[in-house]
Protein backbone atom coordinates (compact mmCIF):
# COMPACT_ATOMS: atom_id res chain seq x y z
CA MET A 1 0.00 0.00 0.00
CA LYS A 2 1.34 3.40 -0.99
CA SER A 3 2.16 5.86 1.78
CA TRP A 4 0.72 9.35 1.28
CA GLN A 5 1.63 12.55 3.10
CA VAL A 6 -1.07 15.19 3.53
CA ILE A 7 0.10 18.80 3.26
CA LEU A 8 -2.31 21.52 4.35
CA ALA A 9 -1.81 24.60 2.17
CA PRO A 10 -1.99 28.10 3.69
CA ASP A 11 -5.17 28.83 1.69
CA PHE A 12 -6.87 25.78 3.18
CA LEU A 13 -5.91 26.83 6.71
CA ALA A 14 -7.11 30.38 6.00
CA ASP A 15 -10.42 28.97 4.74
CA LEU A 16 -10.86 27.02 7.97
CA PHE A 17 -10.05 30.10 10.02
CA GLU A 18 -12.58 32.25 8.11
CA LEU A 19 -15.18 29.52 8.49
CA TYR A 20 -14.45 29.27 12.20
CA GLN A 21 -14.94 33.02 12.63
CA PHE A 22 -18.18 33.03 10.63
CA VAL A 23 -19.73 30.06 12.42
CA THR A 24 -18.63 31.39 15.82
CA LEU A 25 -20.59 34.59 15.21
CA LYS A 26 -23.60 32.75 13.85
CA ASP A 27 -23.81 29.58 15.95
CA GLY A 28 -21.20 29.82 18.69
CA GLN A 29 -17.65 28.73 19.32
CA GLN A 30 -18.47 25.09 20.06
CA LYS A 31 -20.28 24.56 16.72
CA ALA A 32 -17.45 26.34 14.90
CA LYS A 33 -14.82 24.12 16.51
CA GLN A 34 -16.80 20.96 15.71
CA LEU A 35 -17.16 21.95 12.05
CA VAL A 36 -13.52 22.93 11.56
CA THR A 37 -12.36 19.74 13.29
CA LYS A 38 -14.64 17.66 11.06
CA LEU A 39 -13.32 19.31 7.89
CA GLU A 40 -9.67 19.04 8.91
CA LYS A 41 -10.12 15.38 9.87
CA ALA A 42 -11.76 14.70 6.49
CA ALA A 43 -8.87 16.40 4.68
CA ARG A 44 -6.29 14.42 6.64
CA SER A 45 -8.17 11.18 5.90
CA LEU A 46 -7.09 11.54 2.27
CA LYS A 47 -3.75 10.02 3.31
CA ASP A 48 -5.45 6.61 3.22
CA PHE A 49 -7.04 6.78 -0.24
CA PRO A 50 -6.67 10.10 -2.06
CA GLU A 51 -7.96 8.71 -5.35
CA ARG A 52 -11.48 8.53 -3.90
CA GLY A 53 -12.17 12.14 -4.84
CA HIS A 54 -13.41 13.23 -8.22
CA ARG A 55 -12.46 15.91 -10.71
CA LEU A 56 -14.24 19.23 -10.55
CA PRO A 57 -16.76 19.52 -13.39
CA GLU A 58 -16.18 23.30 -13.51
CA LEU A 59 -12.51 22.76 -14.29
CA ALA A 60 -12.86 19.75 -16.59
CA THR A 61 -14.33 21.99 -19.30
CA MET A 62 -11.13 24.05 -19.14
CA GLY A 63 -8.93 20.97 -19.42
CA ILE A 64 -7.78 21.05 -15.78
CA GLN A 65 -7.75 17.46 -14.62
CA ASP A 66 -5.35 17.44 -11.68
CA ILE A 67 -7.51 19.09 -9.00
CA LEU A 68 -9.85 16.75 -7.15
CA GLU A 69 -12.50 17.31 -4.55
CA MET A 70 -14.01 15.57 -1.58
CA VAL A 71 -17.45 16.80 -0.58
CA ILE A 72 -18.49 17.21 3.05
CA PRO A 73 -21.83 18.96 2.45
CA PRO A 74 -22.04 21.85 1.90
CA TYR A 75 -18.23 22.14 1.76
CA ARG A 76 -15.82 21.09 -0.98
CA ILE A 77 -12.26 20.19 -0.05
CA LEU A 78 -10.05 20.75 -3.09
CA TYR A 79 -6.76 18.91 -3.41
CA LYS A 80 -4.04 17.78 -5.77
CA ILE A 81 -2.01 14.57 -5.75
CA GLN A 82 1.67 14.98 -6.59
CA SER A 83 4.08 12.09 -6.22
CA THR A 84 3.43 10.77 -2.68
CA ASN A 85 1.92 14.04 -1.43
CA VAL A 86 -1.70 15.11 -1.16
CA HIS A 87 -1.81 18.91 -1.21
CA ILE A 88 -5.01 20.18 0.41
CA LEU A 89 -5.63 23.43 -1.46
CA ALA A 90 -8.92 24.87 -0.26
CA CYS A 91 -12.17 24.36 1.59
CA ILE A 92 -15.01 26.13 -0.20
CA ASP A 93 -18.70 26.42 0.56
CA SER A 94 -20.48 24.79 -2.40
CA ARG A 95 -23.06 27.59 -2.37
CA ARG A 96 -20.38 30.09 -3.42
CA ASP A 97 -19.18 30.78 -6.97
CA LEU A 98 -16.27 28.39 -7.35
CA ASP A 99 -15.06 29.92 -10.63
CA GLN A 100 -14.60 33.34 -9.05
CA ILE A 101 -12.81 31.92 -6.02
CA LEU A 102 -10.43 29.89 -8.18
CA ILE A 103 -9.70 32.85 -10.44
CA ARG A 104 -8.95 35.03 -7.41
CA ARG A 105 -6.62 32.38 -5.97
CA SER A 106 -5.11 31.31 -9.29
CA LEU A 107 -5.39 27.61 -8.48
């Protein structure tokens, strides 16, 4: 079995921090912590089988095939597999405009 290393990108960590702040204001610190922990745990679980994600349909039309996603509704964890590394790129609310976010970040 291949050994994978999960690398959390700064954008992913910033997404979790923004989400934590938003949920804290809306639903309280405990709910925010539970959500962020759940998302980080899901991202780290990709070390066991990163191929389980699927390509983003929004990017497939542009010929970008190397960014995958894992969905934890309503959030999308975007990642890329390179060699033995799984780079966790972003955590995006699926209700937001993914194209605009990706353009802004130049993923």
